[in-house]
C-alpha cells in the first residue's frame, strides 16, 4: 500500500497534519516530522506560506514554509539528506515533495518580470502576478546522470562537494537547445575528457536538491584518456566491478545505475530503481 500520495489540498480547510520546512531542513521531535496542524499554527512561527501537499496514511498533510528558523524546547532541525540516508522511504518521498514546494514558494514571492507581489491561484499549484498576469508553477530542472563502462570497469569520479571518500557517476544539467543525449556526451567530455557511444536511457528519479529531475543513462566508453575538469572533478578513475570504492546512498539513482550494471556483469538479480 502506498502511504504517501501527492494531491492538491486547499490550505483553507481545517485539520490535518503539518510539516515545517526551512532551507532543506525539517522540524522534528521524538515522534517524527508530522505535527497536529491546528496546534502548531497557534505557535508563534515565522510562516512565509502554507500549502496543502497530499495524504499520508490517508490523512491530509500540509506544509508550513518559514522565512527563518526558530527554536522550541524538545524540537530539532534535521536535513533532508539525513532523512534520505536514515529515514523510511515513504517519509522521504513526502519530505522530498515538501522541500520542492517550499523552495518554489520562497523563491516566487515576487514576480520575476515586473517585481510585483505574487498571489496563490485558488485550486491550483501556481503563483499569479496580478500586475502583469504572469503565472509560475513549481520548477523542475532536467539533468542527466550517466554510468560510463568499459567491460568489467566503470568510470567513477569525485566532486569536491562530495562526502569524503565517496565516488559516483557523472551528472550535469541540460542546457537550452540540446537534447538529453547531447547533454550526456557533452558533460562526460567536459568532466573527464573521454568519448562515449551506445547511450541507453534507464530511468528517472526526482532529486529534491533543490528541484532536479535526474534522467539516468548507461553509456559505453569509446575513446580518450581521463582528463579531469578543473574545479569540478578532484579525482576520476576506472574501477573494477570486483573492487569498488565507497558509493552514493542506496536510494539515489546514481547507486542504482552502478548496482544494476554490477549485477549484470556478475550474474546477480538486478535492483529496483527507488521511486
Protein backbone atom coordinates (compact mmCIF):
# COMPACT_ATOMS: atom_id res chain seq x y z
CA UNK A 1 0.00 0.00 0.00
CA UNK A 2 1.30 3.44 -0.94
CA UNK A 3 1.48 5.51 2.24
CA UNK A 4 2.24 8.85 0.57
CA UNK A 5 0.17 10.40 -2.23
CA UNK A 6 0.77 13.93 -3.53
CA UNK A 7 -2.53 15.68 -4.27
CA UNK A 8 -3.69 19.31 -4.27
CA UNK A 9 -5.40 20.27 -0.98
CA UNK A 10 -6.90 23.67 -0.27
CA UNK A 11 -4.99 25.20 2.63
CA UNK A 12 -8.24 26.87 3.80
CA UNK A 13 -9.54 23.51 5.00
CA UNK A 14 -9.13 22.81 8.74
CA UNK A 15 -7.37 19.91 10.45
CA UNK A 16 -4.72 17.50 9.23
CA UNK A 17 -1.01 17.22 9.88
CA UNK A 18 1.77 19.64 9.03
CA UNK A 19 5.49 19.53 8.24
CA UNK A 20 7.66 22.59 8.86
CA UNK A 21 10.39 23.45 6.35
CA UNK A 22 13.23 25.94 6.09
CA UNK A 23 16.06 25.66 3.54
CA UNK A 24 16.06 21.86 3.11
CA UNK A 25 15.61 21.23 6.84
CA UNK A 26 12.54 19.96 8.68
CA UNK A 27 11.38 20.42 12.25
CA UNK A 28 11.28 17.13 14.15
CA UNK A 29 10.78 15.74 17.64
CA UNK A 30 10.92 12.25 19.15
CA UNK A 31 7.75 11.28 17.23
CA UNK A 32 8.95 12.41 13.82
CA UNK A 33 8.13 15.31 11.48
CA UNK A 34 4.32 15.29 11.38
CA UNK A 35 2.62 17.63 13.86
CA UNK A 36 -1.06 18.42 14.56
CA UNK A 37 -1.70 21.30 12.20
CA UNK A 38 -4.11 23.37 14.27
CA UNK A 39 -1.88 23.13 17.35
CA UNK A 40 1.30 24.13 15.55
CA UNK A 41 -0.35 27.03 13.75
CA UNK A 42 -1.17 28.52 17.16
CA UNK A 43 2.55 28.75 17.95
CA UNK A 44 4.33 31.99 17.14
CA UNK A 45 6.04 30.78 13.96
CA UNK A 46 7.55 32.99 11.22
CA UNK A 47 5.36 31.44 8.50
CA UNK A 48 6.06 32.55 4.94
CA UNK A 49 3.47 30.37 3.22
CA UNK A 50 1.19 27.37 3.75
CA UNK A 51 0.47 24.71 1.13
CA UNK A 52 -1.58 21.53 1.05
CA UNK A 53 0.67 18.66 -0.01
CA UNK A 54 -1.34 15.43 -0.12
CA UNK A 55 -2.18 12.46 2.06
CA UNK A 56 -0.01 10.28 4.28
CA UNK A 57 -1.69 7.10 5.57
CA UNK A 58 -4.96 8.66 4.44
CA UNK A 59 -4.56 11.87 6.47
CA UNK A 60 -4.20 15.33 4.93
CA UNK A 61 -0.70 16.82 5.17
CA UNK A 62 0.22 20.50 4.81
CA UNK A 63 3.47 22.43 4.59
CA UNK A 64 4.44 25.46 6.65
CA UNK A 65 7.27 27.23 4.85
CA UNK A 66 9.21 29.53 7.20
CA UNK A 67 11.18 32.64 6.33
CA UNK A 68 13.64 32.00 9.18
CA UNK A 69 14.39 29.15 11.60
CA UNK A 70 13.13 29.15 15.17
CA UNK A 71 13.88 27.14 18.31
CA UNK A 72 11.43 25.31 20.59
CA UNK A 73 12.28 23.04 23.55
CA UNK A 74 12.23 19.39 22.50
CA UNK A 75 12.41 20.15 18.78
CA UNK A 76 15.38 19.83 16.41
CA UNK A 77 16.05 20.63 12.75
CA UNK A 78 17.06 17.71 10.50
CA UNK A 79 18.29 17.99 6.93
CA UNK A 80 16.56 16.33 4.00
CA UNK A 81 19.77 14.39 3.31
CA UNK A 82 19.58 12.90 6.81
CA UNK A 83 16.12 11.57 6.02
CA UNK A 84 17.37 10.20 2.70
CA UNK A 85 20.11 8.27 4.48
CA UNK A 86 18.30 7.24 7.66
CA UNK A 87 14.51 7.65 7.34
CA UNK A 88 11.91 5.34 5.83
CA UNK A 89 11.22 5.58 2.12
CA UNK A 90 7.66 6.93 2.33
CA UNK A 91 8.61 9.71 4.74
CA UNK A 92 11.47 10.70 2.44
CA UNK A 93 9.08 10.87 -0.53
CA UNK A 94 6.79 13.17 1.45
CA UNK A 95 9.65 15.42 2.53
CA UNK A 96 11.16 15.43 -0.95
CA UNK A 97 7.93 16.82 -2.34
CA UNK A 98 7.54 19.24 0.56
CA UNK A 99 11.01 20.73 0.13
CA UNK A 100 10.44 21.32 -3.58
CA UNK A 101 7.11 23.06 -2.95
CA UNK A 102 8.63 25.05 -0.09
CA UNK A 103 11.62 26.13 -2.19
CA UNK A 104 9.29 27.18 -5.01
CA UNK A 105 7.10 29.15 -2.59
CA UNK A 106 10.04 31.00 -1.04
CA UNK A 107 11.63 31.82 -4.41
CA UNK A 108 8.45 33.07 -6.09
CA UNK A 109 7.10 35.61 -3.64
CA UNK A 110 7.69 38.33 -6.23
CA UNK A 111 7.29 38.37 -10.00
CA UNK A 112 10.50 37.93 -11.94
CA UNK A 113 9.13 40.10 -14.76
CA UNK A 114 7.73 43.20 -13.02
CA UNK A 115 8.65 42.74 -9.35
CA UNK A 116 5.05 42.70 -8.14
CA UNK A 117 3.90 40.57 -5.21
CA UNK A 118 2.71 37.11 -6.30
CA UNK A 119 -0.58 35.55 -5.19
CA UNK A 120 -1.69 31.93 -4.90
CA UNK A 121 -4.03 30.74 -7.65
CA UNK A 122 -7.12 29.19 -5.99
CA UNK A 123 -7.40 25.47 -6.73
CA UNK A 124 -4.01 25.23 -8.45
CA UNK A 125 -0.36 24.74 -7.59
CA UNK A 126 0.52 28.09 -9.12
CA UNK A 127 1.51 31.66 -8.30
CA UNK A 128 -0.03 34.57 -10.19
CA UNK A 129 1.14 38.15 -10.69
CA UNK A 130 -1.94 40.42 -10.75
CA UNK A 131 0.13 43.27 -12.17
CA UNK A 132 1.43 41.63 -15.37
CA UNK A 133 -0.62 38.38 -15.41
CA UNK A 134 2.45 36.12 -15.34
CA UNK A 135 1.99 32.69 -13.71
CA UNK A 136 4.63 30.45 -12.13
CA UNK A 137 4.35 26.74 -11.47
CA UNK A 138 6.69 24.55 -9.39
CA UNK A 139 10.02 24.38 -11.16
CA UNK A 140 11.85 21.29 -12.39
CA UNK A 141 15.41 21.38 -13.72
CA UNK A 142 16.17 18.42 -16.05
CA UNK A 143 19.61 16.91 -15.62
CA UNK A 144 21.32 13.76 -16.76
CA UNK A 145 23.30 11.22 -14.77
CA UNK A 146 25.33 8.55 -16.54
CA UNK A 147 27.38 5.46 -15.77
CA UNK A 148 30.22 5.01 -18.29
CA UNK A 149 31.53 1.46 -18.55
CA UNK A 150 34.35 -0.45 -20.24
CA UNK A 151 33.78 -4.17 -19.85
CA UNK A 152 34.28 -5.02 -16.18
CA UNK A 153 35.33 -1.45 -15.42
CA UNK A 154 33.18 1.53 -14.52
CA UNK A 155 34.20 5.18 -14.60
CA UNK A 156 33.56 6.95 -11.30
CA UNK A 157 34.56 10.40 -10.12
CA UNK A 158 34.69 12.64 -7.08
CA UNK A 159 33.47 16.21 -6.84
CA UNK A 160 34.96 18.48 -4.15
CA UNK A 161 31.38 18.74 -2.81
CA UNK A 162 31.06 15.00 -2.12
CA UNK A 163 31.30 13.36 1.28
CA UNK A 164 34.90 12.33 1.88
CA UNK A 165 35.85 9.13 0.06
CA UNK A 166 32.64 8.78 -1.99
CA UNK A 167 32.86 8.18 -5.76
CA UNK A 168 29.86 8.47 -8.04
CA UNK A 169 28.64 8.65 -11.62
CA UNK A 170 28.88 11.75 -13.80
CA UNK A 171 26.00 14.24 -13.90
CA UNK A 172 25.07 17.65 -15.24
CA UNK A 173 22.22 19.97 -16.16
CA UNK A 174 20.66 20.01 -19.60
CA UNK A 175 21.37 23.31 -21.36
CA UNK A 176 18.96 25.27 -23.53
CA UNK A 177 18.71 23.94 -27.07
CA UNK A 178 20.25 20.50 -26.50
CA UNK A 179 18.73 17.04 -26.14
CA UNK A 180 19.39 14.96 -23.05
CA UNK A 181 21.53 12.59 -25.14
CA UNK A 182 23.64 15.53 -26.32
CA UNK A 183 23.97 16.63 -22.71
CA UNK A 184 25.25 13.18 -21.70
CA UNK A 185 28.03 13.25 -24.30
CA UNK A 186 28.94 16.88 -23.57
CA UNK A 187 29.10 16.50 -19.79
CA UNK A 188 31.24 13.34 -19.99
CA UNK A 189 33.59 15.07 -22.41
CA UNK A 190 33.82 18.21 -20.24
CA UNK A 191 34.21 16.46 -16.88
CA UNK A 192 36.57 13.61 -17.71
CA UNK A 193 37.68 14.12 -21.33
CA UNK A 194 36.51 10.82 -22.83
CA UNK A 195 34.15 10.00 -25.68
CA UNK A 196 31.20 7.60 -25.34
CA UNK A 197 28.74 5.69 -27.51
CA UNK A 198 25.70 3.39 -27.19
CA UNK A 199 23.89 5.74 -24.82
CA UNK A 200 20.90 3.99 -23.24
CA UNK A 201 18.17 5.54 -21.07
CA UNK A 202 17.46 3.50 -17.91
CA UNK A 203 15.08 5.54 -15.76
CA UNK A 204 14.46 8.74 -13.85
CA UNK A 205 14.22 9.99 -10.30
CA UNK A 206 13.06 13.23 -8.75
CA UNK A 207 16.02 14.77 -6.94
CA UNK A 208 14.93 17.47 -4.48
CA UNK A 209 18.30 19.22 -4.03
CA UNK A 210 16.57 21.51 -4.68
CA UNK A 211 14.37 20.71 -7.71
CA UNK A 212 16.02 18.44 -10.27
CA UNK A 213 14.64 15.61 -12.37
CA UNK A 214 17.51 13.15 -12.84
CA UNK A 215 17.41 11.23 -16.14
CA UNK A 216 19.59 8.14 -15.80
CA UNK A 217 21.72 6.65 -18.60
CA UNK A 218 24.28 3.95 -19.29
CA UNK A 219 26.98 4.61 -21.89
CA UNK A 220 29.96 2.67 -23.18
CA UNK A 221 33.48 4.05 -23.39
CA UNK A 222 34.59 4.86 -26.96
CA UNK A 223 37.96 6.62 -26.73
CA UNK A 224 40.21 9.02 -24.87
CA UNK A 225 42.16 9.27 -21.63
CA UNK A 226 40.81 10.73 -18.40
CA UNK A 227 41.39 14.47 -18.16
CA UNK A 228 39.64 15.95 -15.13
CA UNK A 229 37.72 19.23 -15.35
CA UNK A 230 39.33 21.84 -13.10
CA UNK A 231 37.18 22.88 -10.10
CA UNK A 232 34.53 20.25 -10.92
CA UNK A 233 36.31 16.91 -10.59
CA UNK A 234 39.00 16.25 -8.00
CA UNK A 235 39.54 12.60 -8.96
CA UNK A 236 38.25 10.17 -11.60
CA UNK A 237 39.26 6.54 -12.11
CA UNK A 238 38.29 3.29 -13.75
CA UNK A 239 37.20 0.80 -11.07
CA UNK A 240 36.73 -2.94 -11.43
CA UNK A 241 33.24 -4.22 -10.63
CA UNK A 242 35.04 -6.56 -8.22
CA UNK A 243 36.72 -3.73 -6.30
CA UNK A 244 34.59 -0.62 -5.91
CA UNK A 245 35.19 2.44 -3.71
CA UNK A 246 32.59 3.85 -1.26
CA UNK A 247 29.44 4.61 -3.27
CA UNK A 248 26.46 7.02 -3.09
CA UNK A 249 23.40 6.46 -0.90
CA UNK A 250 21.32 3.39 -1.71
CA UNK A 251 18.20 5.46 -2.52
CA UNK A 252 19.93 7.51 -5.20
CA UNK A 253 19.65 6.88 -8.93
CA UNK A 254 23.47 7.07 -9.07
CA UNK A 255 23.70 4.00 -6.85
CA UNK A 256 21.01 2.24 -8.89
CA UNK A 257 22.97 2.76 -12.13
CA UNK A 258 26.09 1.30 -10.52
CA UNK A 259 24.37 -1.62 -8.79
CA UNK A 260 22.38 -2.55 -11.90
CA UNK A 261 25.48 -2.79 -14.08
CA UNK A 262 27.49 -4.68 -11.46
CA UNK A 263 24.60 -7.14 -11.06
CA UNK A 264 24.50 -7.78 -14.81
CA UNK A 265 28.26 -8.36 -15.01
CA UNK A 266 28.22 -10.72 -12.04
CA UNK A 267 25.03 -12.56 -12.99
CA UNK A 268 23.11 -11.34 -9.95
CA UNK A 269 19.48 -10.14 -9.62
CA UNK A 270 19.14 -6.51 -10.72
CA UNK A 271 17.96 -3.90 -8.21
CA UNK A 272 14.79 -1.83 -8.50
CA UNK A 273 15.08 1.88 -9.14
CA UNK A 274 13.94 3.74 -5.99
CA UNK A 275 10.70 5.63 -6.54
